[in-house]
Amino acid sequence: MAFNLRRLHAEDETLIAQAAQVLQAAFDGLTPSWRAWEDALSEVREVIDDADLLIAALDDEGQVLGWIGGLEQYDGHVYELHPLCVAPQAQGQGIGRALVLALEDEARRRGATTIFLGTDDETGHTNISGIDLYPQLAYYLENLQSTANHPFTFYAHLGYRVTGFIPDANGLGKHDILMAKRLA
C-alpha cells in the first residue's frame, strides 16, 4: 500500500476529523479512552496544540491511514510518543514503522535525545496482566512476555526497551508498560 507522510496542523480540519476516526477504530475494544467522538477529536487537537508534532500517513487519495503524536518533555530533551494509531485495514503494511521512524527523525532534529512511551495492558495481552507487580517488580521487568500480540513487541523490534511499569495504571492488574529509546 502506497502512502505519504505529512505533518498536520490546526487548520487541517478534514484531516483532523479523519485522524480522530482512525484513533477510534485503532483502539476500539482496547481502551475506553476515545470511544466518544468528542474525546477522540479532542485528543487529536491536543497533540497538535501541545507540540505541533502530529505526523499522518495519507493514502494516494489523501485519506488518513494512521498517525503519530510527539509531545515535548524535559525542555525538549525527551519526546513522548503519544499516540500511535493505524486504521485496522491498513495495519501490518509498514505504516506504523514509518510513522515511528519519522517521529524519531523530527524529535532528533529538534534536539531530543530520548523518546519514551507507555503501552497499556488493559485487555490481558501480557503475562503481567492481573498480577500484583509490587512484590517482584524486577522479576516481571526481566520476564515480560506478550500473550496475544501486545504492542510492546512492535516497539521492541524498533529498538525500544522496557524501562518500567506503572502498576495498576488502569485499574487493579491493568498496568502501563513504559518503554524508551535513545536517539543518539
N, C-alpha and C. Protein backbone atom coordinates (compact mmCIF):
# COMPACT_ATOMS: atom_id res chain seq x y z
N MET A 1 0.84 -1.18 0.00
CA MET A 1 0.00 0.00 0.00
C MET A 1 0.88 1.24 0.00
N ALA A 2 0.61 2.13 -0.91
CA ALA A 2 1.37 3.38 -1.00
C ALA A 2 0.81 4.40 -0.03
N PHE A 3 1.71 5.15 0.57
CA PHE A 3 1.29 6.22 1.48
C PHE A 3 2.37 7.28 1.54
N ASN A 4 1.95 8.47 1.94
CA ASN A 4 2.84 9.60 2.12
C ASN A 4 2.71 10.09 3.55
N LEU A 5 3.81 10.60 4.10
CA LEU A 5 3.78 11.16 5.44
C LEU A 5 3.69 12.67 5.37
N ARG A 6 2.89 13.24 6.27
CA ARG A 6 2.69 14.68 6.28
C ARG A 6 2.36 15.14 7.69
N ARG A 7 2.92 16.27 8.10
CA ARG A 7 2.55 16.87 9.39
C ARG A 7 1.17 17.49 9.26
N LEU A 8 0.36 17.34 10.29
CA LEU A 8 -0.94 18.00 10.32
C LEU A 8 -0.86 19.23 11.21
N HIS A 9 -1.65 20.23 10.87
CA HIS A 9 -1.69 21.49 11.61
C HIS A 9 -3.14 21.80 11.97
N ALA A 10 -3.34 22.75 12.85
CA ALA A 10 -4.66 23.09 13.38
C ALA A 10 -5.68 23.42 12.28
N GLU A 11 -5.22 23.95 11.17
CA GLU A 11 -6.15 24.33 10.10
C GLU A 11 -6.57 23.16 9.20
N ASP A 12 -6.01 21.99 9.39
CA ASP A 12 -6.33 20.81 8.58
C ASP A 12 -7.57 20.09 9.12
N GLU A 13 -8.71 20.78 9.16
CA GLU A 13 -9.91 20.27 9.83
C GLU A 13 -10.39 18.92 9.29
N THR A 14 -10.41 18.74 7.99
CA THR A 14 -10.89 17.48 7.41
C THR A 14 -9.98 16.32 7.81
N LEU A 15 -8.68 16.56 7.74
CA LEU A 15 -7.73 15.51 8.11
C LEU A 15 -7.74 15.25 9.62
N ILE A 16 -7.98 16.28 10.41
CA ILE A 16 -8.09 16.09 11.86
C ILE A 16 -9.28 15.19 12.18
N ALA A 17 -10.39 15.41 11.51
CA ALA A 17 -11.57 14.56 11.72
C ALA A 17 -11.26 13.11 11.31
N GLN A 18 -10.56 12.94 10.20
CA GLN A 18 -10.18 11.59 9.77
C GLN A 18 -9.24 10.94 10.78
N ALA A 19 -8.31 11.74 11.33
CA ALA A 19 -7.37 11.21 12.33
C ALA A 19 -8.13 10.75 13.57
N ALA A 20 -9.16 11.48 13.96
CA ALA A 20 -9.97 11.07 15.12
C ALA A 20 -10.70 9.76 14.82
N GLN A 21 -11.18 9.58 13.61
CA GLN A 21 -11.84 8.32 13.23
C GLN A 21 -10.86 7.16 13.29
N VAL A 22 -9.64 7.39 12.81
CA VAL A 22 -8.61 6.34 12.86
C VAL A 22 -8.28 6.00 14.31
N LEU A 23 -8.18 7.00 15.15
CA LEU A 23 -7.90 6.78 16.58
C LEU A 23 -8.98 5.89 17.19
N GLN A 24 -10.23 6.20 16.93
CA GLN A 24 -11.32 5.39 17.47
C GLN A 24 -11.26 3.96 16.95
N ALA A 25 -11.05 3.79 15.66
CA ALA A 25 -11.03 2.45 15.06
C ALA A 25 -9.84 1.63 15.56
N ALA A 26 -8.69 2.26 15.65
CA ALA A 26 -7.47 1.54 16.04
C ALA A 26 -7.52 1.05 17.48
N PHE A 27 -8.18 1.80 18.35
CA PHE A 27 -8.22 1.43 19.77
C PHE A 27 -9.56 0.84 20.20
N ASP A 28 -10.45 0.58 19.25
CA ASP A 28 -11.75 0.01 19.56
C ASP A 28 -11.58 -1.33 20.27
N GLY A 29 -12.18 -1.47 21.41
CA GLY A 29 -12.09 -2.70 22.17
C GLY A 29 -10.84 -2.82 23.03
N LEU A 30 -9.91 -1.90 22.89
CA LEU A 30 -8.67 -1.96 23.66
C LEU A 30 -8.68 -1.01 24.86
N THR A 31 -9.36 0.11 24.71
CA THR A 31 -9.43 1.10 25.79
C THR A 31 -10.71 1.91 25.64
N PRO A 32 -11.31 2.31 26.73
CA PRO A 32 -12.50 3.16 26.62
C PRO A 32 -12.16 4.63 26.38
N SER A 33 -10.90 4.96 26.34
CA SER A 33 -10.46 6.36 26.32
C SER A 33 -11.06 7.21 25.21
N TRP A 34 -11.17 6.70 24.00
CA TRP A 34 -11.59 7.53 22.88
C TRP A 34 -12.84 7.01 22.19
N ARG A 35 -13.70 6.34 22.93
CA ARG A 35 -14.94 5.84 22.32
C ARG A 35 -15.86 6.97 21.88
N ALA A 36 -15.95 8.01 22.69
CA ALA A 36 -16.80 9.15 22.34
C ALA A 36 -16.10 9.99 21.28
N TRP A 37 -16.86 10.40 20.26
CA TRP A 37 -16.31 11.19 19.17
C TRP A 37 -15.61 12.45 19.68
N GLU A 38 -16.22 13.14 20.61
CA GLU A 38 -15.66 14.38 21.14
C GLU A 38 -14.30 14.13 21.80
N ASP A 39 -14.16 12.99 22.48
CA ASP A 39 -12.89 12.67 23.13
C ASP A 39 -11.79 12.38 22.11
N ALA A 40 -12.13 11.66 21.05
CA ALA A 40 -11.15 11.36 20.01
C ALA A 40 -10.71 12.63 19.29
N LEU A 41 -11.67 13.47 18.95
CA LEU A 41 -11.35 14.72 18.28
C LEU A 41 -10.51 15.63 19.18
N SER A 42 -10.86 15.67 20.44
CA SER A 42 -10.11 16.47 21.41
C SER A 42 -8.67 15.97 21.55
N GLU A 43 -8.47 14.67 21.52
CA GLU A 43 -7.12 14.10 21.62
C GLU A 43 -6.25 14.53 20.45
N VAL A 44 -6.79 14.46 19.24
CA VAL A 44 -6.03 14.88 18.06
C VAL A 44 -5.66 16.36 18.17
N ARG A 45 -6.61 17.18 18.53
CA ARG A 45 -6.34 18.62 18.63
C ARG A 45 -5.34 18.93 19.74
N GLU A 46 -5.42 18.18 20.84
CA GLU A 46 -4.48 18.38 21.94
C GLU A 46 -3.05 18.11 21.51
N VAL A 47 -2.85 17.03 20.76
CA VAL A 47 -1.50 16.69 20.28
C VAL A 47 -0.97 17.81 19.40
N ILE A 48 -1.80 18.30 18.51
CA ILE A 48 -1.37 19.40 17.62
C ILE A 48 -1.07 20.66 18.43
N ASP A 49 -1.95 20.99 19.37
CA ASP A 49 -1.78 22.23 20.15
C ASP A 49 -0.59 22.16 21.09
N ASP A 50 -0.37 20.99 21.72
CA ASP A 50 0.68 20.86 22.73
C ASP A 50 2.09 20.89 22.13
N ALA A 51 2.29 20.26 21.00
CA ALA A 51 3.65 20.15 20.49
C ALA A 51 3.78 20.45 19.00
N ASP A 52 2.65 20.67 18.35
CA ASP A 52 2.67 20.86 16.91
C ASP A 52 3.47 19.76 16.23
N LEU A 53 3.29 18.54 16.72
CA LEU A 53 4.00 17.42 16.11
C LEU A 53 3.06 16.23 15.99
N LEU A 54 2.28 16.27 14.93
CA LEU A 54 1.41 15.16 14.57
C LEU A 54 1.72 14.83 13.13
N ILE A 55 2.18 13.61 12.91
CA ILE A 55 2.54 13.16 11.57
C ILE A 55 1.51 12.12 11.14
N ALA A 56 0.95 12.33 9.96
CA ALA A 56 -0.08 11.43 9.45
C ALA A 56 0.43 10.70 8.21
N ALA A 57 -0.05 9.48 8.03
CA ALA A 57 0.17 8.72 6.81
C ALA A 57 -1.09 8.83 5.97
N LEU A 58 -0.94 9.33 4.75
CA LEU A 58 -2.09 9.53 3.86
C LEU A 58 -1.97 8.62 2.66
N ASP A 59 -3.10 8.07 2.22
CA ASP A 59 -3.08 7.25 1.01
C ASP A 59 -3.06 8.16 -0.21
N ASP A 60 -3.08 7.56 -1.40
CA ASP A 60 -2.99 8.33 -2.64
C ASP A 60 -4.17 9.28 -2.84
N GLU A 61 -5.28 9.01 -2.16
CA GLU A 61 -6.46 9.87 -2.27
C GLU A 61 -6.51 10.93 -1.16
N GLY A 62 -5.46 10.97 -0.32
CA GLY A 62 -5.40 11.96 0.73
C GLY A 62 -6.16 11.60 1.99
N GLN A 63 -6.51 10.31 2.16
CA GLN A 63 -7.22 9.85 3.34
C GLN A 63 -6.22 9.40 4.41
N VAL A 64 -6.51 9.70 5.67
CA VAL A 64 -5.62 9.35 6.77
C VAL A 64 -5.69 7.84 7.02
N LEU A 65 -4.52 7.20 6.96
CA LEU A 65 -4.40 5.77 7.25
C LEU A 65 -3.91 5.53 8.67
N GLY A 66 -3.19 6.50 9.22
CA GLY A 66 -2.64 6.38 10.56
C GLY A 66 -1.95 7.67 10.93
N TRP A 67 -1.60 7.78 12.21
CA TRP A 67 -0.91 8.99 12.66
C TRP A 67 -0.19 8.73 13.97
N ILE A 68 0.75 9.62 14.25
CA ILE A 68 1.54 9.54 15.48
C ILE A 68 1.70 10.95 16.04
N GLY A 69 1.71 11.02 17.37
CA GLY A 69 1.93 12.29 18.02
C GLY A 69 3.21 12.27 18.83
N GLY A 70 3.83 13.42 18.94
CA GLY A 70 5.02 13.58 19.76
C GLY A 70 4.84 14.77 20.69
N LEU A 71 4.98 14.54 21.98
CA LEU A 71 4.80 15.59 22.97
C LEU A 71 6.13 15.91 23.62
N GLU A 72 6.54 17.16 23.56
CA GLU A 72 7.83 17.59 24.11
C GLU A 72 7.80 17.52 25.63
N GLN A 73 8.87 16.96 26.21
CA GLN A 73 9.03 16.83 27.65
C GLN A 73 10.45 17.26 28.01
N TYR A 74 10.69 17.54 29.27
CA TYR A 74 12.04 17.83 29.78
C TYR A 74 12.79 18.83 28.91
N ASP A 75 12.15 19.97 28.68
CA ASP A 75 12.76 21.06 27.91
C ASP A 75 13.23 20.63 26.53
N GLY A 76 12.52 19.68 25.93
CA GLY A 76 12.85 19.23 24.58
C GLY A 76 13.90 18.16 24.49
N HIS A 77 14.45 17.73 25.59
CA HIS A 77 15.44 16.65 25.56
C HIS A 77 14.78 15.30 25.30
N VAL A 78 13.50 15.22 25.64
CA VAL A 78 12.75 13.98 25.55
C VAL A 78 11.41 14.27 24.88
N TYR A 79 10.95 13.34 24.06
CA TYR A 79 9.61 13.40 23.50
C TYR A 79 8.85 12.16 23.92
N GLU A 80 7.57 12.37 24.21
CA GLU A 80 6.68 11.24 24.47
C GLU A 80 5.97 10.88 23.18
N LEU A 81 6.05 9.63 22.78
CA LEU A 81 5.31 9.13 21.64
C LEU A 81 3.89 8.86 22.14
N HIS A 82 2.95 9.68 21.66
CA HIS A 82 1.56 9.53 22.12
C HIS A 82 0.62 10.21 21.16
N PRO A 83 -0.31 9.47 20.63
CA PRO A 83 -0.35 8.02 20.48
C PRO A 83 0.16 7.62 19.10
N LEU A 84 0.18 6.35 18.84
CA LEU A 84 0.39 5.80 17.50
C LEU A 84 -0.86 5.02 17.17
N CYS A 85 -1.46 5.33 16.04
CA CYS A 85 -2.64 4.56 15.63
C CYS A 85 -2.65 4.40 14.12
N VAL A 86 -3.01 3.20 13.70
CA VAL A 86 -3.13 2.88 12.28
C VAL A 86 -4.50 2.23 12.09
N ALA A 87 -5.21 2.64 11.05
CA ALA A 87 -6.52 2.07 10.77
C ALA A 87 -6.40 0.56 10.66
N PRO A 88 -7.34 -0.18 11.23
CA PRO A 88 -7.24 -1.65 11.22
C PRO A 88 -6.99 -2.25 9.84
N GLN A 89 -7.63 -1.73 8.81
CA GLN A 89 -7.46 -2.30 7.46
C GLN A 89 -6.08 -1.99 6.87
N ALA A 90 -5.34 -1.07 7.48
CA ALA A 90 -4.01 -0.69 6.97
C ALA A 90 -2.87 -1.22 7.84
N GLN A 91 -3.19 -1.93 8.90
CA GLN A 91 -2.15 -2.44 9.79
C GLN A 91 -1.35 -3.55 9.12
N GLY A 92 -0.10 -3.66 9.54
CA GLY A 92 0.77 -4.71 9.01
C GLY A 92 1.39 -4.39 7.66
N GLN A 93 1.33 -3.12 7.25
CA GLN A 93 1.85 -2.74 5.94
C GLN A 93 2.98 -1.71 6.02
N GLY A 94 3.58 -1.58 7.21
CA GLY A 94 4.73 -0.70 7.37
C GLY A 94 4.40 0.73 7.73
N ILE A 95 3.13 1.05 7.90
CA ILE A 95 2.73 2.42 8.20
C ILE A 95 3.17 2.80 9.61
N GLY A 96 2.91 1.95 10.59
CA GLY A 96 3.30 2.24 11.97
C GLY A 96 4.80 2.44 12.09
N ARG A 97 5.56 1.56 11.47
CA ARG A 97 7.02 1.67 11.49
C ARG A 97 7.48 2.99 10.87
N ALA A 98 6.92 3.34 9.73
CA ALA A 98 7.29 4.59 9.06
C ALA A 98 6.95 5.80 9.92
N LEU A 99 5.82 5.76 10.60
CA LEU A 99 5.43 6.86 11.46
C LEU A 99 6.38 7.00 12.65
N VAL A 100 6.73 5.88 13.27
CA VAL A 100 7.65 5.94 14.42
C VAL A 100 9.00 6.49 13.97
N LEU A 101 9.52 6.01 12.85
CA LEU A 101 10.82 6.49 12.37
C LEU A 101 10.77 7.97 12.01
N ALA A 102 9.66 8.42 11.45
CA ALA A 102 9.52 9.85 11.12
C ALA A 102 9.48 10.70 12.39
N LEU A 103 8.78 10.21 13.42
CA LEU A 103 8.75 10.94 14.69
C LEU A 103 10.15 11.00 15.30
N GLU A 104 10.87 9.89 15.26
CA GLU A 104 12.24 9.88 15.78
C GLU A 104 13.11 10.89 15.05
N ASP A 105 13.00 10.93 13.73
CA ASP A 105 13.80 11.88 12.95
C ASP A 105 13.48 13.33 13.32
N GLU A 106 12.19 13.63 13.46
CA GLU A 106 11.80 15.00 13.80
C GLU A 106 12.22 15.37 15.22
N ALA A 107 12.05 14.45 16.16
CA ALA A 107 12.47 14.71 17.54
C ALA A 107 13.99 14.92 17.61
N ARG A 108 14.73 14.11 16.88
CA ARG A 108 16.20 14.25 16.82
C ARG A 108 16.57 15.61 16.22
N ARG A 109 15.87 16.00 15.16
CA ARG A 109 16.12 17.29 14.52
C ARG A 109 15.86 18.44 15.50
N ARG A 110 14.91 18.26 16.39
CA ARG A 110 14.57 19.29 17.39
C ARG A 110 15.49 19.24 18.61
N GLY A 111 16.43 18.30 18.62
CA GLY A 111 17.41 18.25 19.70
C GLY A 111 17.12 17.23 20.79
N ALA A 112 16.13 16.39 20.60
CA ALA A 112 15.80 15.38 21.62
C ALA A 112 16.83 14.26 21.60
N THR A 113 17.05 13.68 22.77
CA THR A 113 17.96 12.55 22.89
C THR A 113 17.23 11.24 23.19
N THR A 114 15.97 11.33 23.60
CA THR A 114 15.21 10.15 24.00
C THR A 114 13.75 10.29 23.60
N ILE A 115 13.15 9.17 23.24
CA ILE A 115 11.70 9.08 23.09
C ILE A 115 11.22 8.01 24.06
N PHE A 116 10.10 8.30 24.74
CA PHE A 116 9.51 7.29 25.61
C PHE A 116 8.03 7.15 25.28
N LEU A 117 7.46 6.07 25.75
CA LEU A 117 6.04 5.80 25.52
C LEU A 117 5.52 4.91 26.62
N GLY A 118 4.22 4.90 26.75
CA GLY A 118 3.54 3.96 27.62
C GLY A 118 2.59 3.15 26.76
N THR A 119 2.60 1.85 26.95
CA THR A 119 1.68 0.99 26.21
C THR A 119 0.92 0.14 27.22
N ASP A 120 -0.36 0.45 27.34
CA ASP A 120 -1.20 -0.16 28.38
C ASP A 120 -1.52 -1.62 28.08
N ASP A 121 -1.74 -2.36 29.15
CA ASP A 121 -2.27 -3.72 29.02
C ASP A 121 -3.59 -3.77 29.78
N GLU A 122 -4.62 -3.21 29.15
CA GLU A 122 -5.95 -3.20 29.74
C GLU A 122 -6.73 -4.45 29.36
N THR A 123 -6.24 -5.20 28.38
CA THR A 123 -7.01 -6.32 27.84
C THR A 123 -6.37 -7.68 28.07
N GLY A 124 -5.36 -7.75 28.92
CA GLY A 124 -4.76 -9.04 29.25
C GLY A 124 -3.90 -9.66 28.17
N HIS A 125 -3.13 -8.83 27.46
CA HIS A 125 -2.30 -9.34 26.37
C HIS A 125 -0.84 -9.58 26.74
N THR A 126 -0.53 -9.52 28.05
CA THR A 126 0.82 -9.85 28.50
C THR A 126 0.74 -10.78 29.71
N ASN A 127 1.87 -11.33 30.07
CA ASN A 127 1.93 -12.23 31.22
C ASN A 127 1.87 -11.50 32.56
N ILE A 128 1.84 -10.16 32.55
CA ILE A 128 1.73 -9.42 33.82
C ILE A 128 0.30 -9.00 34.12
N SER A 129 -0.60 -9.26 33.20
CA SER A 129 -1.99 -8.86 33.38
C SER A 129 -2.59 -9.55 34.60
N GLY A 130 -3.22 -8.75 35.45
CA GLY A 130 -3.89 -9.30 36.62
C GLY A 130 -2.99 -9.65 37.78
N ILE A 131 -1.71 -9.37 37.66
CA ILE A 131 -0.73 -9.74 38.69
C ILE A 131 -0.36 -8.52 39.53
N ASP A 132 -0.14 -8.73 40.81
CA ASP A 132 0.39 -7.69 41.69
C ASP A 132 1.89 -7.61 41.43
N LEU A 133 2.32 -6.56 40.79
CA LEU A 133 3.73 -6.42 40.39
C LEU A 133 4.66 -6.03 41.53
N TYR A 134 4.13 -5.37 42.53
CA TYR A 134 4.98 -4.78 43.57
C TYR A 134 5.94 -5.76 44.25
N PRO A 135 5.51 -6.96 44.65
CA PRO A 135 6.45 -7.84 45.37
C PRO A 135 7.65 -8.30 44.53
N GLN A 136 7.49 -8.39 43.19
CA GLN A 136 8.58 -8.90 42.35
C GLN A 136 8.73 -8.06 41.08
N LEU A 137 8.77 -6.76 41.24
CA LEU A 137 8.81 -5.85 40.11
C LEU A 137 9.99 -6.14 39.17
N ALA A 138 11.18 -6.32 39.72
CA ALA A 138 12.36 -6.58 38.89
C ALA A 138 12.21 -7.88 38.11
N TYR A 139 11.63 -8.88 38.73
CA TYR A 139 11.41 -10.16 38.05
C TYR A 139 10.52 -9.97 36.81
N TYR A 140 9.42 -9.24 36.98
CA TYR A 140 8.50 -9.05 35.86
C TYR A 140 9.08 -8.15 34.78
N LEU A 141 9.92 -7.21 35.15
CA LEU A 141 10.61 -6.40 34.14
C LEU A 141 11.49 -7.27 33.25
N GLU A 142 12.16 -8.23 33.86
CA GLU A 142 13.06 -9.13 33.13
C GLU A 142 12.30 -10.17 32.31
N ASN A 143 11.09 -10.50 32.73
CA ASN A 143 10.39 -11.64 32.13
C ASN A 143 9.07 -11.27 31.46
N LEU A 144 8.91 -10.03 31.06
CA LEU A 144 7.70 -9.59 30.38
C LEU A 144 7.56 -10.33 29.05
N GLN A 145 6.36 -10.84 28.80
CA GLN A 145 6.09 -11.53 27.55
C GLN A 145 4.70 -11.16 27.04
N SER A 146 4.57 -11.13 25.74
CA SER A 146 3.27 -10.93 25.11
C SER A 146 2.55 -12.28 25.06
N THR A 147 1.28 -12.26 25.37
CA THR A 147 0.48 -13.49 25.26
C THR A 147 -0.51 -13.41 24.11
N ALA A 148 -0.66 -12.22 23.53
CA ALA A 148 -1.63 -12.04 22.44
C ALA A 148 -1.26 -10.84 21.58
N ASN A 149 -0.04 -10.82 21.06
CA ASN A 149 0.40 -9.77 20.15
C ASN A 149 0.28 -8.36 20.75
N HIS A 150 0.81 -8.19 21.95
CA HIS A 150 0.79 -6.88 22.59
C HIS A 150 1.71 -5.91 21.85
N PRO A 151 1.33 -4.64 21.75
CA PRO A 151 2.15 -3.66 21.02
C PRO A 151 3.58 -3.49 21.52
N PHE A 152 3.88 -3.86 22.76
CA PHE A 152 5.26 -3.65 23.24
C PHE A 152 6.24 -4.42 22.37
N THR A 153 5.82 -5.53 21.77
CA THR A 153 6.73 -6.29 20.90
C THR A 153 7.06 -5.52 19.62
N PHE A 154 6.09 -4.79 19.09
CA PHE A 154 6.31 -3.94 17.91
C PHE A 154 7.39 -2.90 18.22
N TYR A 155 7.23 -2.23 19.36
CA TYR A 155 8.20 -1.20 19.74
C TYR A 155 9.58 -1.81 20.02
N ALA A 156 9.61 -2.98 20.61
CA ALA A 156 10.89 -3.65 20.87
C ALA A 156 11.63 -3.92 19.56
N HIS A 157 10.92 -4.30 18.52
CA HIS A 157 11.55 -4.53 17.21
C HIS A 157 12.15 -3.26 16.62
N LEU A 158 11.65 -2.11 17.08
CA LEU A 158 12.18 -0.83 16.61
C LEU A 158 13.26 -0.26 17.54
N GLY A 159 13.68 -1.05 18.52
CA GLY A 159 14.78 -0.64 19.39
C GLY A 159 14.36 -0.06 20.73
N TYR A 160 13.08 -0.03 21.03
CA TYR A 160 12.62 0.48 22.33
C TYR A 160 12.81 -0.61 23.38
N ARG A 161 13.14 -0.18 24.59
CA ARG A 161 13.37 -1.10 25.70
C ARG A 161 12.39 -0.81 26.83
N VAL A 162 11.96 -1.86 27.49
CA VAL A 162 11.09 -1.69 28.65
C VAL A 162 11.92 -1.07 29.77
N THR A 163 11.45 0.06 30.28
CA THR A 163 12.16 0.77 31.33
C THR A 163 11.43 0.73 32.66
N GLY A 164 10.19 0.26 32.64
CA GLY A 164 9.44 0.18 33.88
C GLY A 164 7.97 -0.07 33.65
N PHE A 165 7.24 -0.06 34.74
CA PHE A 165 5.79 -0.22 34.71
C PHE A 165 5.17 0.89 35.55
N ILE A 166 3.95 1.19 35.26
CA ILE A 166 3.10 1.92 36.21
C ILE A 166 2.04 0.91 36.62
N PRO A 167 2.28 0.24 37.75
CA PRO A 167 1.34 -0.78 38.19
C PRO A 167 -0.06 -0.21 38.42
N ASP A 168 -1.04 -0.97 37.99
CA ASP A 168 -2.45 -0.65 38.23
C ASP A 168 -2.88 0.70 37.63
N ALA A 169 -2.20 1.16 36.59
CA ALA A 169 -2.49 2.46 35.99
C ALA A 169 -3.92 2.56 35.49
N ASN A 170 -4.48 1.46 35.08
CA ASN A 170 -5.83 1.45 34.50
C ASN A 170 -6.80 0.61 35.32
N GLY A 171 -6.47 0.42 36.60
CA GLY A 171 -7.26 -0.43 37.50
C GLY A 171 -6.37 -1.56 37.99
N LEU A 172 -6.81 -2.25 39.01
CA LEU A 172 -6.01 -3.34 39.58
C LEU A 172 -5.63 -4.36 38.51
N GLY A 173 -4.34 -4.64 38.42
CA GLY A 173 -3.83 -5.63 37.47
C GLY A 173 -3.79 -5.18 36.03
N LYS A 174 -4.11 -3.92 35.77
CA LYS A 174 -4.08 -3.37 34.41
C LYS A 174 -2.98 -2.31 34.36
N HIS A 175 -1.81 -2.75 33.96
CA HIS A 175 -0.59 -1.97 34.07
C HIS A 175 -0.26 -1.21 32.79
N ASP A 176 0.55 -0.19 32.94
CA ASP A 176 1.11 0.53 31.80
C ASP A 176 2.58 0.11 31.71
N ILE A 177 2.99 -0.27 30.53
CA ILE A 177 4.37 -0.68 30.27
C ILE A 177 5.11 0.52 29.70
N LEU A 178 6.17 0.95 30.36
CA LEU A 178 6.95 2.10 29.91
C LEU A 178 8.13 1.63 29.09
N MET A 179 8.37 2.32 27.97
CA MET A 179 9.47 1.97 27.08
C MET A 179 10.17 3.25 26.63
N ALA A 180 11.44 3.13 26.27
CA ALA A 180 12.20 4.29 25.82
C ALA A 180 13.27 3.85 24.82
N LYS A 181 13.74 4.85 24.06
CA LYS A 181 14.80 4.61 23.09
C LYS A 181 15.67 5.85 23.02
N ARG A 182 16.98 5.65 23.05
CA ARG A 182 17.93 6.75 22.88
C ARG A 182 18.04 7.04 21.39
N LEU A 183 18.00 8.32 21.05
CA LEU A 183 18.02 8.73 19.64
C LEU A 183 19.42 8.98 19.12
N ALA A 184 20.38 9.18 19.99
CA ALA A 184 21.75 9.50 19.56
C ALA A 184 22.37 8.37 18.78
